[in-house]
PDB file of N, CA and C in Angstrom:
ATOM      1  N   MET A   1      21.908  87.033   4.753  1.00  0.00           N
ATOM      2  CA  MET A   1      22.949  86.201   4.179  1.00  0.00           C
ATOM      3  C   MET A   1      22.303  85.011   3.470  1.00  0.00           C
ATOM      4  N   ILE A   2      22.822  84.680   2.332  1.00  0.00           N
ATOM      5  CA  ILE A   2      22.321  83.558   1.547  1.00  0.00           C
ATOM      6  C   ILE A   2      22.816  82.253   2.175  1.00  0.00           C
ATOM      7  N   GLU A   3      21.907  81.297   2.361  1.00  0.00           N
ATOM      8  CA  GLU A   3      22.273  79.980   2.901  1.00  0.00           C
ATOM      9  C   GLU A   3      22.334  78.971   1.759  1.00  0.00           C
ATOM     10  N   LEU A   4      23.442  78.246   1.666  1.00  0.00           N
ATOM     11  CA  LEU A   4      23.617  77.225   0.645  1.00  0.00           C
ATOM     12  C   LEU A   4      23.950  75.896   1.308  1.00  0.00           C
ATOM     13  N   ASN A   5      23.723  74.806   0.596  1.00  0.00           N
ATOM     14  CA  ASN A   5      23.999  73.471   1.139  1.00  0.00           C
ATOM     15  C   ASN A   5      25.483  73.124   1.142  1.00  0.00           C
ATOM     16  N   ASP A   6      26.167  73.445   0.046  1.00  0.00           N
ATOM     17  CA  ASP A   6      27.543  72.987  -0.126  1.00  0.00           C
ATOM     18  C   ASP A   6      28.597  74.075   0.077  1.00  0.00           C
ATOM     19  N   PHE A   7      28.190  75.328   0.184  1.00  0.00           N
ATOM     20  CA  PHE A   7      29.116  76.447   0.332  1.00  0.00           C
ATOM     21  C   PHE A   7      28.643  77.362   1.453  1.00  0.00           C
ATOM     22  N   TYR A   8      29.585  78.065   2.084  1.00  0.00           N
ATOM     23  CA  TYR A   8      29.229  79.104   3.041  1.00  0.00           C
ATOM     24  C   TYR A   8      30.163  80.289   2.842  1.00  0.00           C
ATOM     25  N   ASN A   9      29.713  81.459   3.258  1.00  0.00           N
ATOM     26  CA  ASN A   9      30.500  82.670   3.096  1.00  0.00           C
ATOM     27  C   ASN A   9      31.076  83.062   4.448  1.00  0.00           C
ATOM     28  N   ALA A  10      32.395  83.125   4.519  1.00  0.00           N
ATOM     29  CA  ALA A  10      33.083  83.458   5.760  1.00  0.00           C
ATOM     30  C   ALA A  10      33.433  84.943   5.828  1.00  0.00           C
ATOM     31  N   GLY A  11      32.870  85.744   4.942  1.00  0.00           N
ATOM     32  CA  GLY A  11      33.130  87.177   4.948  1.00  0.00           C
ATOM     33  C   GLY A  11      34.163  87.611   3.924  1.00  0.00           C
ATOM     34  N   PHE A  12      34.936  86.676   3.388  1.00  0.00           N
ATOM     35  CA  PHE A  12      35.951  87.013   2.387  1.00  0.00           C
ATOM     36  C   PHE A  12      35.794  86.187   1.118  1.00  0.00           C
ATOM     37  N   GLY A  13      34.786  85.353   1.059  1.00  0.00           N
ATOM     38  CA  GLY A  13      34.528  84.535  -0.124  1.00  0.00           C
ATOM     39  C   GLY A  13      33.773  83.277   0.242  1.00  0.00           C
ATOM     40  N   TRP A  14      33.290  82.578  -0.768  1.00  0.00           N
ATOM     41  CA  TRP A  14      32.535  81.345  -0.561  1.00  0.00           C
ATOM     42  C   TRP A  14      33.497  80.176  -0.428  1.00  0.00           C
ATOM     43  N   ILE A  15      33.235  79.307   0.542  1.00  0.00           N
ATOM     44  CA  ILE A  15      34.108  78.173   0.830  1.00  0.00           C
ATOM     45  C   ILE A  15      33.324  76.875   0.699  1.00  0.00           C
ATOM     46  N   CYS A  16      33.928  75.887   0.045  1.00  0.00           N
ATOM     47  CA  CYS A  16      33.317  74.567  -0.130  1.00  0.00           C
ATOM     48  C   CYS A  16      33.372  73.822   1.207  1.00  0.00           C
ATOM     49  N   ARG A  17      32.224  73.432   1.723  1.00  0.00           N
ATOM     50  CA  ARG A  17      32.157  72.743   3.015  1.00  0.00           C
ATOM     51  C   ARG A  17      32.863  71.377   2.962  1.00  0.00           C
ATOM     52  N   HIS A  18      32.697  70.649   1.862  1.00  0.00           N
ATOM     53  CA  HIS A  18      33.254  69.307   1.737  1.00  0.00           C
ATOM     54  C   HIS A  18      34.788  69.336   1.713  1.00  0.00           C
ATOM     55  N   CYS A  19      35.353  70.225   0.890  1.00  0.00           N
ATOM     56  CA  CYS A  19      36.811  70.302   0.788  1.00  0.00           C
ATOM     57  C   CYS A  19      37.423  70.830   2.078  1.00  0.00           C
ATOM     58  N   GLU A  20      36.739  71.771   2.718  1.00  0.00           N
ATOM     59  CA  GLU A  20      37.275  72.304   3.964  1.00  0.00           C
ATOM     60  C   GLU A  20      37.369  71.204   5.021  1.00  0.00           C
ATOM     61  N   ARG A  21      36.350  70.331   5.087  1.00  0.00           N
ATOM     62  CA  ARG A  21      36.386  69.207   6.022  1.00  0.00           C
ATOM     63  C   ARG A  21      37.569  68.288   5.731  1.00  0.00           C
ATOM     64  N   GLU A  22      37.758  67.959   4.450  1.00  0.00           N
ATOM     65  CA  GLU A  22      38.863  67.079   4.059  1.00  0.00           C
ATOM     66  C   GLU A  22      40.220  67.709   4.369  1.00  0.00           C
ATOM     67  N   LEU A  23      40.365  68.994   4.056  1.00  0.00           N
ATOM     68  CA  LEU A  23      41.635  69.672   4.283  1.00  0.00           C
ATOM     69  C   LEU A  23      41.917  69.847   5.771  1.00  0.00           C
ATOM     70  N   THR A  24      40.881  70.039   6.565  1.00  0.00           N
ATOM     71  CA  THR A  24      41.055  70.160   8.007  1.00  0.00           C
ATOM     72  C   THR A  24      41.524  68.843   8.597  1.00  0.00           C
ATOM     73  N   ARG A  25      40.942  67.737   8.120  1.00  0.00           N
ATOM     74  CA  ARG A  25      41.380  66.411   8.586  1.00  0.00           C
ATOM     75  C   ARG A  25      42.829  66.149   8.195  1.00  0.00           C
ATOM     76  N   ALA A  26      43.198  66.523   6.976  1.00  0.00           N
ATOM     77  CA  ALA A  26      44.567  66.302   6.504  1.00  0.00           C
ATOM     78  C   ALA A  26      45.558  67.165   7.287  1.00  0.00           C
ATOM     79  N   ALA A  27      45.153  68.377   7.646  1.00  0.00           N
ATOM     80  CA  ALA A  27      46.030  69.267   8.400  1.00  0.00           C
ATOM     81  C   ALA A  27      46.228  68.777   9.831  1.00  0.00           C
ATOM     82  N   ALA A  28      45.271  68.006  10.336  1.00  0.00           N
ATOM     83  CA  ALA A  28      45.377  67.485  11.698  1.00  0.00           C
ATOM     84  C   ALA A  28      46.358  66.320  11.786  1.00  0.00           C
ATOM     85  N   ASP A  29      46.797  65.818  10.643  1.00  0.00           N
ATOM     86  CA  ASP A  29      47.771  64.727  10.616  1.00  0.00           C
ATOM     87  C   ASP A  29      49.080  65.195  11.249  1.00  0.00           C
ATOM     88  N   THR A  30      49.516  64.519  12.295  1.00  0.00           N
ATOM     89  CA  THR A  30      50.712  64.949  13.024  1.00  0.00           C
ATOM     90  C   THR A  30      52.005  64.678  12.271  1.00  0.00           C
ATOM     91  N   SER A  31      51.969  63.827  11.255  1.00  0.00           N
ATOM     92  CA  SER A  31      53.185  63.536  10.502  1.00  0.00           C
ATOM     93  C   SER A  31      53.450  64.565   9.405  1.00  0.00           C
ATOM     94  N   ALA A  32      52.496  65.471   9.175  1.00  0.00           N
ATOM     95  CA  ALA A  32      52.661  66.486   8.134  1.00  0.00           C
ATOM     96  C   ALA A  32      53.713  67.513   8.557  1.00  0.00           C
ATOM     97  N   LEU A  33      54.459  68.010   7.585  1.00  0.00           N
ATOM     98  CA  LEU A  33      55.480  69.017   7.861  1.00  0.00           C
ATOM     99  C   LEU A  33      54.819  70.357   8.174  1.00  0.00           C
ATOM    100  N   PRO A  34      55.480  71.210   8.933  1.00  0.00           N
ATOM    101  CA  PRO A  34      54.964  72.566   9.138  1.00  0.00           C
ATOM    102  C   PRO A  34      54.876  73.294   7.810  1.00  0.00           C
ATOM    103  N   ARG A  35      53.971  74.261   7.731  1.00  0.00           N
ATOM    104  CA  ARG A  35      53.724  74.976   6.491  1.00  0.00           C
ATOM    105  C   ARG A  35      54.985  75.617   5.922  1.00  0.00           C
ATOM    106  N   ILE A  36      55.874  76.083   6.760  1.00  0.00           N
ATOM    107  CA  ILE A  36      57.090  76.751   6.284  1.00  0.00           C
ATOM    108  C   ILE A  36      57.969  75.820   5.455  1.00  0.00           C
ATOM    109  N   PHE A  37      57.922  74.505   5.743  1.00  0.00           N
ATOM    110  CA  PHE A  37      58.732  73.543   4.997  1.00  0.00           C
ATOM    111  C   PHE A  37      58.063  73.092   3.701  1.00  0.00           C
ATOM    112  N   SER A  38      56.759  73.264   3.603  1.00  0.00           N
ATOM    113  CA  SER A  38      56.055  72.791   2.416  1.00  0.00           C
ATOM    114  C   SER A  38      55.796  73.887   1.396  1.00  0.00           C
ATOM    115  N   GLU A  39      55.931  75.165   1.793  1.00  0.00           N
ATOM    116  CA  GLU A  39      55.697  76.257   0.868  1.00  0.00           C
ATOM    117  C   GLU A  39      57.015  76.739   0.296  1.00  0.00           C
ATOM    118  N   GLY A  40      56.962  77.195  -0.938  1.00  0.00           N
ATOM    119  CA  GLY A  40      58.168  77.686  -1.591  1.00  0.00           C
ATOM    120  C   GLY A  40      58.296  79.191  -1.457  1.00  0.00           C
ATOM    121  N   GLU A  41      59.096  79.765  -2.302  1.00  0.00           N
ATOM    122  CA  GLU A  41      59.291  81.211  -2.323  1.00  0.00           C
ATOM    123  C   GLU A  41      57.981  81.902  -2.667  1.00  0.00           C
ATOM    124  N   SER A  42      57.783  83.087  -2.156  1.00  0.00           N
ATOM    125  CA  SER A  42      56.553  83.822  -2.445  1.00  0.00           C
ATOM    126  C   SER A  42      56.508  84.290  -3.891  1.00  0.00           C
ATOM    127  N   GLU A  43      57.656  84.347  -4.546  1.00  0.00           N
ATOM    128  CA  GLU A  43      57.699  84.760  -5.946  1.00  0.00           C
ATOM    129  C   GLU A  43      57.575  83.567  -6.890  1.00  0.00           C
ATOM    130  N   SER A  44      57.007  82.491  -6.433  1.00  0.00           N
ATOM    131  CA  SER A  44      56.883  81.279  -7.234  1.00  0.00           C
ATOM    132  C   SER A  44      56.093  81.557  -8.515  1.00  0.00           C
ATOM    133  N   SER A  45      56.425  80.838  -9.560  1.00  0.00           N
ATOM    134  CA  SER A  45      55.716  81.030 -10.827  1.00  0.00           C
ATOM    135  C   SER A  45      54.325  80.421 -10.801  1.00  0.00           C
ATOM    136  N   SER A  46      54.051  79.545  -9.854  1.00  0.00           N
ATOM    137  CA  SER A  46      52.711  78.964  -9.731  1.00  0.00           C
ATOM    138  C   SER A  46      52.258  79.003  -8.274  1.00  0.00           C
ATOM    139  N   PRO A  47      51.863  80.187  -7.794  1.00  0.00           N
ATOM    140  CA  PRO A  47      51.461  80.300  -6.397  1.00  0.00           C
ATOM    141  C   PRO A  47      50.161  79.544  -6.118  1.00  0.00           C
ATOM    142  N   THR A  48      50.000  79.088  -4.882  1.00  0.00           N
ATOM    143  CA  THR A  48      48.772  78.413  -4.479  1.00  0.00           C
ATOM    144  C   THR A  48      48.101  79.222  -3.375  1.00  0.00           C
ATOM    145  N   LEU A  49      46.782  79.146  -3.330  1.00  0.00           N
ATOM    146  CA  LEU A  49      46.042  79.855  -2.304  1.00  0.00           C
ATOM    147  C   LEU A  49      46.182  79.145  -0.964  1.00  0.00           C
ATOM    148  N   GLU A  50      46.172  79.911   0.100  1.00  0.00           N
ATOM    149  CA  GLU A  50      46.216  79.332   1.438  1.00  0.00           C
ATOM    150  C   GLU A  50      44.972  78.485   1.674  1.00  0.00           C
ATOM    151  N   ASN A  51      43.813  78.988   1.227  1.00  0.00           N
ATOM    152  CA  ASN A  51      42.564  78.254   1.383  1.00  0.00           C
ATOM    153  C   ASN A  51      42.206  77.632   0.034  1.00  0.00           C
ATOM    154  N   GLN A  52      42.492  76.352  -0.130  1.00  0.00           N
ATOM    155  CA  GLN A  52      42.258  75.680  -1.409  1.00  0.00           C
ATOM    156  C   GLN A  52      40.792  75.387  -1.664  1.00  0.00           C
ATOM    157  N   SER A  53      39.939  75.585  -0.674  1.00  0.00           N
ATOM    158  CA  SER A  53      38.520  75.294  -0.847  1.00  0.00           C
ATOM    159  C   SER A  53      37.715  76.547  -1.178  1.00  0.00           C
ATOM    160  N   LEU A  54      38.379  77.641  -1.536  1.00  0.00           N
ATOM    161  CA  LEU A  54      37.711  78.879  -1.894  1.00  0.00           C
ATOM    162  C   LEU A  54      37.050  78.725  -3.266  1.00  0.00           C
ATOM    163  N   ALA A  55      35.747  78.963  -3.314  1.00  0.00           N
ATOM    164  CA  ALA A  55      34.972  78.751  -4.537  1.00  0.00           C
ATOM    165  C   ALA A  55      35.123  79.918  -5.512  1.00  0.00           C
ATOM    166  N   LYS A  56      34.749  79.656  -6.761  1.00  0.00           N
ATOM    167  CA  LYS A  56      34.768  80.667  -7.816  1.00  0.00           C
ATOM    168  C   LYS A  56      33.399  80.699  -8.470  1.00  0.00           C
ATOM    169  N   TRP A  57      33.100  81.806  -9.127  1.00  0.00           N
ATOM    170  CA  TRP A  57      31.860  81.894  -9.900  1.00  0.00           C
ATOM    171  C   TRP A  57      32.063  81.173 -11.219  1.00  0.00           C
ATOM    172  N   ALA A  58      31.086  80.357 -11.607  1.00  0.00           N
ATOM    173  CA  ALA A  58      31.188  79.583 -12.844  1.00  0.00           C
ATOM    174  C   ALA A  58      30.652  80.348 -14.054  1.00  0.00           C
ATOM    175  N   ASP A  59      29.930  81.442 -13.810  1.00  0.00           N
ATOM    176  CA  ASP A  59      29.364  82.204 -14.923  1.00  0.00           C
ATOM    177  C   ASP A  59      29.504  83.694 -14.650  1.00  0.00           C
ATOM    178  N   ALA A  60      29.374  84.487 -15.706  1.00  0.00           N
ATOM    179  CA  ALA A  60      29.542  85.937 -15.590  1.00  0.00           C
ATOM    180  C   ALA A  60      28.424  86.591 -14.786  1.00  0.00           C
ATOM    181  N   ALA A  61      27.252  86.006 -14.772  1.00  0.00           N
ATOM    182  CA  ALA A  61      26.114  86.568 -14.040  1.00  0.00           C
ATOM    183  C   ALA A  61      26.189  86.266 -12.543  1.00  0.00           C
ATOM    184  N   GLN A  62      27.165  85.489 -12.128  1.00  0.00           N
ATOM    185  CA  GLN A  62      27.385  85.092 -10.736  1.00  0.00           C
ATOM    186  C   GLN A  62      26.143  84.428 -10.129  1.00  0.00           C
ATOM    187  N   THR A  63      25.692  83.376 -10.815  1.00  0.00           N
ATOM    188  CA  THR A  63      24.542  82.617 -10.328  1.00  0.00           C
ATOM    189  C   THR A  63      24.911  81.173  -9.979  1.00  0.00           C
ATOM    190  N   ILE A  64      26.133  80.748 -10.303  1.00  0.00           N
ATOM    191  CA  ILE A  64      26.571  79.376 -10.021  1.00  0.00           C
ATOM    192  C   ILE A  64      27.964  79.412  -9.395  1.00  0.00           C
ATOM    193  N   LEU A  65      28.093  78.815  -8.216  1.00  0.00           N
ATOM    194  CA  LEU A  65      29.396  78.679  -7.561  1.00  0.00           C
ATOM    195  C   LEU A  65      29.995  77.326  -7.895  1.00  0.00           C
ATOM    196  N   THR A  66      31.313  77.288  -8.033  1.00  0.00           N
ATOM    197  CA  THR A  66      32.006  76.027  -8.277  1.00  0.00           C
ATOM    198  C   THR A  66      33.279  75.970  -7.441  1.00  0.00           C
ATOM    199  N   CYS A  67      33.602  74.787  -6.968  1.00  0.00           N
ATOM    200  CA  CYS A  67      34.824  74.576  -6.206  1.00  0.00           C
ATOM    201  C   CYS A  67      35.910  74.106  -7.173  1.00  0.00           C
ATOM    202  N   PRO A  68      37.019  74.830  -7.280  1.00  0.00           N
ATOM    203  CA  PRO A  68      38.073  74.420  -8.217  1.00  0.00           C
ATOM    204  C   PRO A  68      38.782  73.138  -7.786  1.00  0.00           C
ATOM    205  N   ARG A  69      38.685  72.768  -6.521  1.00  0.00           N
ATOM    206  CA  ARG A  69      39.367  71.579  -6.021  1.00  0.00           C
ATOM    207  C   ARG A  69      38.604  70.308  -6.344  1.00  0.00           C
ATOM    208  N   CYS A  70      37.291  70.286  -6.032  1.00  0.00           N
ATOM    209  CA  CYS A  70      36.512  69.055  -6.220  1.00  0.00           C
ATOM    210  C   CYS A  70      35.519  69.137  -7.384  1.00  0.00           C
ATOM    211  N   GLY A  71      35.280  70.330  -7.913  1.00  0.00           N
ATOM    212  CA  GLY A  71      34.381  70.476  -9.045  1.00  0.00           C
ATOM    213  C   GLY A  71      32.918  70.578  -8.683  1.00  0.00           C
ATOM    214  N   LEU A  72      32.587  70.615  -7.414  1.00  0.00           N
ATOM    215  CA  LEU A  72      31.200  70.710  -6.955  1.00  0.00           C
ATOM    216  C   LEU A  72      30.614  72.058  -7.376  1.00  0.00           C
ATOM    217  N   THR A  73      29.360  72.063  -7.854  1.00  0.00           N
ATOM    218  CA  THR A  73      28.700  73.300  -8.242  1.00  0.00           C
ATOM    219  C   THR A  73      27.357  73.420  -7.536  1.00  0.00           C
ATOM    220  N   GLU A  74      26.927  74.661  -7.334  1.00  0.00           N
ATOM    221  CA  GLU A  74      25.626  74.908  -6.714  1.00  0.00           C
ATOM    222  C   GLU A  74      25.086  76.233  -7.221  1.00  0.00           C
ATOM    223  N   PRO A  75      23.816  76.262  -7.647  1.00  0.00           N
ATOM    224  CA  PRO A  75      23.208  77.521  -8.084  1.00  0.00           C
ATOM    225  C   PRO A  75      22.942  78.424  -6.877  1.00  0.00           C
ATOM    226  N   VAL A  76      23.056  79.726  -7.099  1.00  0.00           N
ATOM    227  CA  VAL A  76      22.840  80.717  -6.036  1.00  0.00           C
ATOM    228  C   VAL A  76      21.699  81.624  -6.452  1.00  0.00           C
ATOM    229  N   GLU A  77      20.689  81.723  -5.597  1.00  0.00           N
ATOM    230  CA  GLU A  77      19.584  82.659  -5.844  1.00  0.00           C
ATOM    231  C   GLU A  77      19.810  83.886  -4.975  1.00  0.00           C
ATOM    232  N   LYS A  78      20.017  85.020  -5.621  1.00  0.00           N
ATOM    233  CA  LYS A  78      20.219  86.268  -4.871  1.00  0.00           C
ATOM    234  C   LYS A  78      18.857  86.883  -4.572  1.00  0.00           C
ATOM    235  N   LEU A  79      18.643  87.181  -3.322  1.00  0.00           N
ATOM    236  CA  LEU A  79      17.360  87.753  -2.905  1.00  0.00           C
ATOM    237  C   LEU A  79      17.413  89.248  -2.842  1.00  0.00           C
TER     238      LEU A  79
END
């Protein structure tokens, strides 16, 4: 498995460590509404991912990961 500083792979995609920490802290807030009250219809015209810290490839060769939430990027060396 490839080890990166800012991203890790949980088996279903690369996740930004920084955003996951922030989102976990925000989810621990007891004043936040349950997810059922904050999410809309599943047929929404602008759906959002459950995991907002899921990274995307920034290039076609899949050598750079980027977080769409915070914009953090990191090069990936495939061995």
